[in-house]
C-alpha atoms as a PDB file:
ATOM      1  CA  MET A   1       0.000   0.000   0.000  1.00  0.00           C
ATOM      2  CA  VAL A   2       2.915   2.346   0.671  1.00  0.00           C
ATOM      3  CA  ASP A   3       4.265   1.644  -2.818  1.00  0.00           C
ATOM      4  CA  GLU A   4       0.816   2.352  -4.239  1.00  0.00           C
ATOM      5  CA  LEU A   5       0.755   5.642  -2.304  1.00  0.00           C
ATOM      6  CA  ARG A   6       4.154   6.588  -3.686  1.00  0.00           C
ATOM      7  CA  ALA A   7       2.955   5.779  -7.206  1.00  0.00           C
ATOM      8  CA  LEU A   8      -0.040   8.048  -6.652  1.00  0.00           C
ATOM      9  CA  VAL A   9       2.288  10.856  -5.538  1.00  0.00           C
ATOM     10  CA  ARG A  10       4.469  10.438  -8.634  1.00  0.00           C
ATOM     11  CA  ARG A  11       1.432  10.412 -10.898  1.00  0.00           C
ATOM     12  CA  GLU A  12      -0.018  13.500  -9.210  1.00  0.00           C
ATOM     13  CA  HIS A  13       3.317  15.313  -9.678  1.00  0.00           C
ATOM     14  CA  GLU A  14       3.340  14.388 -13.363  1.00  0.00           C
ATOM     15  CA  ASP A  15      -0.263  15.484 -13.782  1.00  0.00           C
ATOM     16  CA  ALA A  16       0.478  18.794 -12.005  1.00  0.00           C
ATOM     17  CA  LEU A  17       3.326  19.509 -14.419  1.00  0.00           C
ATOM     18  CA  GLU A  18       1.138  18.614 -17.377  1.00  0.00           C
ATOM     19  CA  SER A  19      -1.631  20.828 -16.041  1.00  0.00           C
ATOM     20  CA  GLU A  20       0.790  23.752 -15.794  1.00  0.00           C
ATOM     21  CA  ARG A  21       1.942  23.090 -19.363  1.00  0.00           C
ATOM     22  CA  LEU A  22      -1.633  23.057 -20.649  1.00  0.00           C
ATOM     23  CA  HIS A  23      -2.444  26.313 -18.868  1.00  0.00           C
ATOM     24  CA  ARG A  24       0.657  27.961 -20.374  1.00  0.00           C
ATOM     25  CA  LEU A  25      -0.447  26.703 -23.779  1.00  0.00           C
ATOM     26  CA  ASP A  26      -3.913  28.102 -23.206  1.00  0.00           C
ATOM     27  CA  ALA A  27      -2.421  31.492 -22.324  1.00  0.00           C
ATOM     28  CA  ASP A  28      -0.358  31.418 -25.523  1.00  0.00           C
ATOM     29  CA  VAL A  29      -3.392  30.493 -27.613  1.00  0.00           C
ATOM     30  CA  ALA A  30      -5.385  33.299 -25.965  1.00  0.00           C
ATOM     31  CA  GLU A  31      -2.607  35.755 -26.817  1.00  0.00           C
ATOM     32  CA  LEU A  32      -2.525  34.500 -30.395  1.00  0.00           C
ATOM     33  CA  ARG A  33      -6.304  34.818 -30.629  1.00  0.00           C
ATOM     34  CA  ALA A  34      -6.167  38.411 -29.394  1.00  0.00           C
ATOM     35  CA  ARG A  35      -3.602  39.354 -32.041  1.00  0.00           C
ATOM     36  CA  ALA A  36      -5.591  37.531 -34.723  1.00  0.00           C
ATOM     37  CA  ASP A  37      -8.699  39.505 -33.735  1.00  0.00           C
ATOM     38  CA  VAL A  38      -6.773  42.784 -33.974  1.00  0.00           C
ATOM     39  CA  ILE A  39      -5.475  41.907 -37.440  1.00  0.00           C
ATOM     40  CA  SER A  40      -8.869  40.702 -38.638  1.00  0.00           C
ATOM     41  CA  ALA A  41     -10.596  43.865 -37.411  1.00  0.00           C
ATOM     42  CA  PHE A  42      -7.938  46.066 -39.023  1.00  0.00           C
ATOM     43  CA  PHE A  43      -8.241  44.508 -42.465  1.00  0.00           C
ATOM     44  CA  ALA A  44     -12.035  44.347 -42.273  1.00  0.00           C
ATOM     45  CA  ALA A  45     -12.067  48.131 -41.989  1.00  0.00           C
ATOM     46  CA  GLU A  46      -8.960  48.767 -44.110  1.00  0.00           C
ATOM     47  CA  ARG A  47     -10.662  49.955 -47.305  1.00  0.00           C
ATOM     48  CA  ASP A  48     -13.006  52.409 -45.607  1.00  0.00           C
ATOM     49  CA  GLU A  49     -10.250  53.769 -43.378  1.00  0.00           C
ATOM     50  CA  ASP A  50      -7.833  54.133 -46.286  1.00  0.00           C
ATOM     51  CA  GLU A  51     -10.456  56.061 -48.253  1.00  0.00           C
ATOM     52  CA  ARG A  52     -11.125  58.315 -45.264  1.00  0.00           C
ATOM     53  CA  LEU A  53      -7.441  59.073 -44.820  1.00  0.00           C
ATOM     54  CA  ARG A  54      -6.921  59.727 -48.524  1.00  0.00           C
ATOM     55  CA  ARG A  55      -9.901  62.056 -48.574  1.00  0.00           C
ATOM     56  CA  ALA A  56      -8.594  63.921 -45.529  1.00  0.00           C
ATOM     57  CA  GLU A  57      -5.182  64.270 -47.164  1.00  0.00           C
ATOM     58  CA  ASP A  58      -6.707  65.490 -50.436  1.00  0.00           C
ATOM     59  CA  GLU A  59      -8.878  68.018 -48.619  1.00  0.00           C
ATOM     60  CA  ALA A  60      -5.897  69.252 -46.634  1.00  0.00           C
ATOM     61  CA  GLY A  61      -3.903  69.609 -49.860  1.00  0.00           C
ATOM     62  CA  ALA A  62      -6.714  71.576 -51.467  1.00  0.00           C
ATOM     63  CA  ASP A  63      -6.872  73.838 -48.406  1.00  0.00           C
ATOM     64  CA  VAL A  64      -3.128  74.483 -48.684  1.00  0.00           C
ATOM     65  CA  ALA A  65      -3.568  75.561 -52.297  1.00  0.00           C
ATOM     66  CA  ARG A  66      -6.500  77.788 -51.341  1.00  0.00           C
ATOM     67  CA  ARG A  67      -4.625  79.399 -48.443  1.00  0.00           C
ATOM     68  CA  ASP A  68      -1.549  79.928 -50.607  1.00  0.00           C
ATOM     69  CA  ALA A  69      -3.710  81.746 -53.168  1.00  0.00           C
ATOM     70  CA  GLU A  70      -5.173  83.920 -50.412  1.00  0.00           C
ATOM     71  CA  LYS A  71      -1.670  84.712 -49.178  1.00  0.00           C
ATOM     72  CA  VAL A  72      -0.511  85.674 -52.666  1.00  0.00           C
ATOM     73  CA  ALA A  73      -3.572  87.893 -53.104  1.00  0.00           C
ATOM     74  CA  ALA A  74      -2.981  89.579 -49.723  1.00  0.00           C
ATOM     75  CA  GLU A  75       0.681  90.185 -50.537  1.00  0.00           C
ATOM     76  CA  ALA A  76      -0.313  91.653 -53.903  1.00  0.00           C
ATOM     77  CA  GLU A  77      -2.800  93.930 -52.149  1.00  0.00           C
ATOM     78  CA  LEU A  78      -0.055  95.059 -49.795  1.00  0.00           C
ATOM     79  CA  ALA A  79       2.149  95.852 -52.747  1.00  0.00           C
ATOM     80  CA  ARG A  80      -0.606  98.030 -54.214  1.00  0.00           C
ATOM     81  CA  ALA A  81      -1.268  99.953 -50.998  1.00  0.00           C
ATOM     82  CA  ARG A  82      -1.285 103.690 -51.689  1.00  0.00           C
ATOM     83  CA  ASN A  83      -1.142 105.085 -48.175  1.00  0.00           C
ATOM     84  CA  ASP A  84      -0.456 104.150 -44.573  1.00  0.00           C
ATOM     85  CA  THR A  85      -4.046 103.218 -43.842  1.00  0.00           C
ATOM     86  CA  GLU A  86      -4.304 100.852 -46.805  1.00  0.00           C
ATOM     87  CA  ARG A  87      -0.866  99.485 -45.998  1.00  0.00           C
ATOM     88  CA  ALA A  88      -1.816  98.767 -42.357  1.00  0.00           C
ATOM     89  CA  LEU A  89      -4.986  96.968 -43.369  1.00  0.00           C
ATOM     90  CA  ALA A  90      -3.150  95.002 -46.058  1.00  0.00           C
ATOM     91  CA  GLU A  91      -0.424  93.987 -43.612  1.00  0.00           C
ATOM     92  CA  GLN A  92      -3.088  92.614 -41.268  1.00  0.00           C
ATOM     93  CA  ARG A  93      -4.582  90.600 -44.128  1.00  0.00           C
ATOM     94  CA  VAL A  94      -1.117  89.290 -45.080  1.00  0.00           C
ATOM     95  CA  THR A  95      -0.434  88.248 -41.490  1.00  0.00           C
ATOM     96  CA  ARG A  96      -3.748  86.399 -41.269  1.00  0.00           C
ATOM     97  CA  ALA A  97      -3.252  84.792 -44.671  1.00  0.00           C
ATOM     98  CA  ARG A  98       0.228  83.604 -43.765  1.00  0.00           C
ATOM     99  CA  ASP A  99      -1.028  82.199 -40.445  1.00  0.00           C
ATOM    100  CA  HIS A 100      -3.840  80.384 -42.246  1.00  0.00           C
ATOM    101  CA  ALA A 101      -1.369  79.052 -44.813  1.00  0.00           C
ATOM    102  CA  ASP A 102       0.944  77.776 -42.061  1.00  0.00           C
ATOM    103  CA  VAL A 103      -1.952  76.041 -40.295  1.00  0.00           C
ATOM    104  CA  ALA A 104      -3.063  74.472 -43.572  1.00  0.00           C
ATOM    105  CA  VAL A 105       0.443  73.120 -44.220  1.00  0.00           C
ATOM    106  CA  GLN A 106       0.595  71.650 -40.699  1.00  0.00           C
ATOM    107  CA  THR A 107      -2.811  70.037 -41.196  1.00  0.00           C
ATOM    108  CA  LEU A 108      -1.636  68.528 -44.474  1.00  0.00           C
ATOM    109  CA  GLU A 109       1.542  67.200 -42.827  1.00  0.00           C
ATOM    110  CA  ARG A 110      -0.494  65.571 -40.049  1.00  0.00           C
ATOM    111  CA  ALA A 111      -2.907  64.040 -42.549  1.00  0.00           C
ATOM    112  CA  ALA A 112      -0.037  62.702 -44.645  1.00  0.00           C
ATOM    113  CA  GLU A 113       1.709  61.253 -41.589  1.00  0.00           C
ATOM    114  CA  GLU A 114      -1.504  59.635 -40.353  1.00  0.00           C
ATOM    115  CA  HIS A 115      -2.028  58.042 -43.751  1.00  0.00           C
ATOM    116  CA  ALA A 116       1.600  56.888 -43.912  1.00  0.00           C
ATOM    117  CA  ALA A 117       1.344  55.425 -40.403  1.00  0.00           C
ATOM    118  CA  PHE A 118      -1.798  53.553 -41.437  1.00  0.00           C
ATOM    119  CA  GLU A 119      -0.016  52.088 -44.461  1.00  0.00           C
ATOM    120  CA  ARG A 120       2.956  51.078 -42.298  1.00  0.00           C
ATOM    121  CA  GLU A 121       0.616  49.355 -39.864  1.00  0.00           C
ATOM    122  CA  ALA A 122      -1.084  47.533 -42.743  1.00  0.00           C
ATOM    123  CA  THR A 123       2.306  46.274 -43.936  1.00  0.00           C
ATOM    124  CA  GLU A 124       3.387  45.218 -40.447  1.00  0.00           C
ATOM    125  CA  LEU A 125       0.144  43.355 -39.756  1.00  0.00           C
ATOM    126  CA  ALA A 126       0.286  41.620 -43.127  1.00  0.00           C
ATOM    127  CA  GLU A 127       3.812  40.447 -42.243  1.00  0.00           C
ATOM    128  CA  GLU A 128       2.699  39.371 -38.750  1.00  0.00           C
ATOM    129  CA  LEU A 129      -0.076  37.118 -40.031  1.00  0.00           C
ATOM    130  CA  PRO A 130       2.164  34.307 -41.402  1.00  0.00           C
ATOM    131  CA  ARG A 131       4.192  34.428 -38.175  1.00  0.00           C
ATOM    132  CA  LEU A 132       1.008  33.864 -36.195  1.00  0.00           C
ATOM    133  CA  GLU A 133       0.106  30.968 -38.464  1.00  0.00           C
ATOM    134  CA  ARG A 134       3.513  29.365 -37.854  1.00  0.00           C
ATOM    135  CA  TRP A 135       3.073  29.916 -34.111  1.00  0.00           C
ATOM    136  CA  ALA A 136      -0.366  28.284 -34.255  1.00  0.00           C
ATOM    137  CA  ASN A 137       1.118  25.194 -35.899  1.00  0.00           C
ATOM    138  CA  GLU A 138       3.854  25.049 -33.240  1.00  0.00           C
ATOM    139  CA  LEU A 139       1.289  25.317 -30.440  1.00  0.00           C
ATOM    140  CA  ALA A 140      -0.908  22.677 -32.059  1.00  0.00           C
ATOM    141  CA  GLU A 141       1.886  20.126 -31.645  1.00  0.00           C
ATOM    142  CA  GLY A 142       1.570  20.385 -27.858  1.00  0.00           C
ATOM    143  CA  ILE A 143      -2.219  20.280 -27.651  1.00  0.00           C
ATOM    144  CA  PRO A 144      -3.730  16.864 -26.892  1.00  0.00           C
ATOM    145  CA  GLY A 145      -5.800  15.979 -29.921  1.00  0.00           C
ATOM    146  CA  GLY A 146      -4.829  19.269 -31.525  1.00  0.00           C
ATOM    147  CA  THR A 147      -4.609  19.603 -35.286  1.00  0.00           C
ATOM    148  CA  ALA A 148      -2.348  21.806 -37.340  1.00  0.00           C
ATOM    149  CA  LEU A 149      -3.736  25.002 -38.752  1.00  0.00           C
ATOM    150  CA  ASP A 150      -5.306  24.248 -42.123  1.00  0.00           C
ATOM    151  CA  THR A 151      -7.237  27.467 -42.574  1.00  0.00           C
ATOM    152  CA  ALA A 152      -6.451  31.158 -42.633  1.00  0.00           C
ATOM    153  CA  ASP A 153      -9.053  31.692 -39.903  1.00  0.00           C
ATOM    154  CA  LEU A 154      -6.778  31.899 -36.891  1.00  0.00           C
ATOM    155  CA  ALA A 155      -9.610  32.953 -34.582  1.00  0.00           C
ATOM    156  CA  ASP A 156     -11.586  29.817 -35.453  1.00  0.00           C
ATOM    157  CA  TRP A 157      -8.551  27.608 -34.881  1.00  0.00           C
ATOM    158  CA  ALA A 158      -7.827  29.298 -31.551  1.00  0.00           C
ATOM    159  CA  SER A 159     -11.395  28.721 -30.378  1.00  0.00           C
ATOM    160  CA  HIS A 160     -11.147  24.991 -31.143  1.00  0.00           C
ATOM    161  CA  ALA A 161      -7.682  24.802 -29.585  1.00  0.00           C
ATOM    162  CA  ARG A 162      -8.852  26.413 -26.344  1.00  0.00           C
ATOM    163  CA  ALA A 163     -11.823  24.030 -26.211  1.00  0.00           C
ATOM    164  CA  GLU A 164      -9.450  21.043 -26.583  1.00  0.00           C
ATOM    165  CA  LEU A 165      -7.170  22.443 -23.884  1.00  0.00           C
ATOM    166  CA  PHE A 166     -10.128  22.980 -21.560  1.00  0.00           C
ATOM    167  CA  VAL A 167     -11.216  19.351 -21.958  1.00  0.00           C
ATOM    168  CA  ALA A 168      -7.672  18.032 -21.436  1.00  0.00           C
ATOM    169  CA  ALA A 169      -7.086  20.219 -18.370  1.00  0.00           C
ATOM    170  CA  SER A 170     -10.457  19.256 -16.896  1.00  0.00           C
ATOM    171  CA  GLN A 171      -9.638  15.573 -17.283  1.00  0.00           C
ATOM    172  CA  LEU A 172      -6.290  16.117 -15.580  1.00  0.00           C
ATOM    173  CA  ASP A 173      -7.899  18.040 -12.740  1.00  0.00           C
ATOM    174  CA  ALA A 174     -10.429  15.254 -12.231  1.00  0.00           C
ATOM    175  CA  ARG A 175      -7.640  12.658 -12.173  1.00  0.00           C
ATOM    176  CA  ARG A 176      -5.670  14.724  -9.679  1.00  0.00           C
ATOM    177  CA  GLU A 177      -8.739  14.955  -7.449  1.00  0.00           C
ATOM    178  CA  ARG A 178      -9.112  11.168  -7.594  1.00  0.00           C
ATOM    179  CA  ALA A 179      -5.417  10.799  -6.725  1.00  0.00           C
ATOM    180  CA  VAL A 180      -5.922  13.020  -3.681  1.00  0.00           C
ATOM    181  CA  LEU A 181      -8.878  10.923  -2.518  1.00  0.00           C
ATOM    182  CA  GLU A 182      -7.076   7.634  -3.160  1.00  0.00           C
ATOM    183  CA  ALA A 183      -3.902   8.822  -1.421  1.00  0.00           C
ATOM    184  CA  ASN A 184      -5.815   9.947   1.636  1.00  0.00           C
ATOM    185  CA  GLY A 185      -7.785   6.708   1.639  1.00  0.00           C
ATOM    186  CA  ILE A 186      -4.577   4.661   1.689  1.00  0.00           C
ATOM    187  CA  ALA A 187      -2.918   6.906   4.286  1.00  0.00           C
ATOM    188  CA  THR A 188      -5.989   6.787   6.507  1.00  0.00           C
ATOM    189  CA  ALA A 189      -6.033   2.988   6.279  1.00  0.00           C
ATOM    190  CA  LEU A 190      -2.327   2.740   7.123  1.00  0.00           C
ATOM    191  CA  LEU A 191      -2.394   5.263   9.982  1.00  0.00           C
ATOM    192  CA  GLY A 192      -5.741   4.347  11.452  1.00  0.00           C
ATOM    193  CA  GLU A 193      -6.740   8.036  11.469  1.00  0.00           C
ATOM    194  CA  SER A 194      -8.098  10.400   8.857  1.00  0.00           C
ATOM    195  CA  THR A 195      -5.716  12.375   6.661  1.00  0.00           C
ATOM    196  CA  TYR A 196      -8.431  13.776   4.415  1.00  0.00           C
ATOM    197  CA  GLY A 197      -7.675  17.346   3.405  1.00  0.00           C
ATOM    198  CA  SER A 198      -4.003  16.489   2.829  1.00  0.00           C
ATOM    199  CA  THR A 199      -2.250  16.498  -0.505  1.00  0.00           C
ATOM    200  CA  PRO A 200      -0.791  13.173  -1.702  1.00  0.00           C
ATOM    201  CA  ASP A 201       2.660  14.480  -0.706  1.00  0.00           C
ATOM    202  CA  GLN A 202       1.428  15.314   2.779  1.00  0.00           C
ATOM    203  CA  ALA A 203      -0.352  11.995   3.133  1.00  0.00           C
ATOM    204  CA  LEU A 204       2.811  10.117   2.129  1.00  0.00           C
ATOM    205  CA  ALA A 205       4.923  12.196   4.513  1.00  0.00           C
ATOM    206  CA  GLN A 206       2.609  11.308   7.407  1.00  0.00           C
ATOM    207  CA  VAL A 207       2.818   7.620   6.544  1.00  0.00           C
ATOM    208  CA  GLU A 208       6.598   7.690   6.247  1.00  0.00           C
ATOM    209  CA  ARG A 209       6.966   9.548   9.530  1.00  0.00           C
ATOM    210  CA  TYR A 210       4.756   6.933  11.090  1.00  0.00           C
ATOM    211  CA  ARG A 211       6.935   4.177   9.616  1.00  0.00           C
ATOM    212  CA  GLY A 212      10.113   5.933  10.717  1.00  0.00           C
ATOM    213  CA  SER A 213      11.304   6.811   7.177  1.00  0.00           C
ATOM    214  CA  THR A 214      13.689   9.707   6.528  1.00  0.00           C
ATOM    215  CA  PRO A 215      13.440  12.092   3.577  1.00  0.00           C
ATOM    216  CA  GLY A 216      16.552  10.556   2.059  1.00  0.00           C
ATOM    217  CA  GLN A 217      15.180   7.057   2.292  1.00  0.00           C
ATOM    218  CA  VAL A 218      11.907   8.162   0.810  1.00  0.00           C
ATOM    219  CA  SER A 219      13.664   9.820  -2.089  1.00  0.00           C
ATOM    220  CA  GLU A 220      15.754   6.698  -2.751  1.00  0.00           C
ATOM    221  CA  SER A 221      12.710   4.440  -2.531  1.00  0.00           C
ATOM    222  CA  ARG A 222      11.086   6.437  -5.324  1.00  0.00           C
END
């Protein structure tokens, strides 16, 4: 019975390690799914967003041209000023026109940079997608019953993968619970008193203390 208890402890240790591995895998799959959702959402809206950014850039460019024309007209008016009063008014118009032109140029620069940033993001996400697919295939190798990615729908694969991991982890947890019950049942029978509530390790330690074992002997006996 002591050997059976030790076997239960070893099995529970192995199952605990496997459970940790499955939970790490699940976290990786969840991370992959989150990135896949981001990429999918980006490309679903890509055309509309690209058109919006192009339109904003075109409108900003047209405003620059319009403000430049206003500035040229104001400067021409200043050049035609015939007296101090006309010159003062014209200088005010030139100042305003130049300010408006500067603002228009800054708006155009921001619109162009926003559009360029969008295009860079599109390129980066397009390059990330095959890396995610390779990662999915690598993760699939460690999933009990898992299958390699055979579709471009990473989100769908991730959903199935997480379901498989949930089933596998649940089975492990159930087996670990049975090991705890069995270990405590054996320890209780050997000691003549209840050890329920103990882990298999604790149950074995109580039995070995009762039998006069030392940690070194226990380790060697395993």
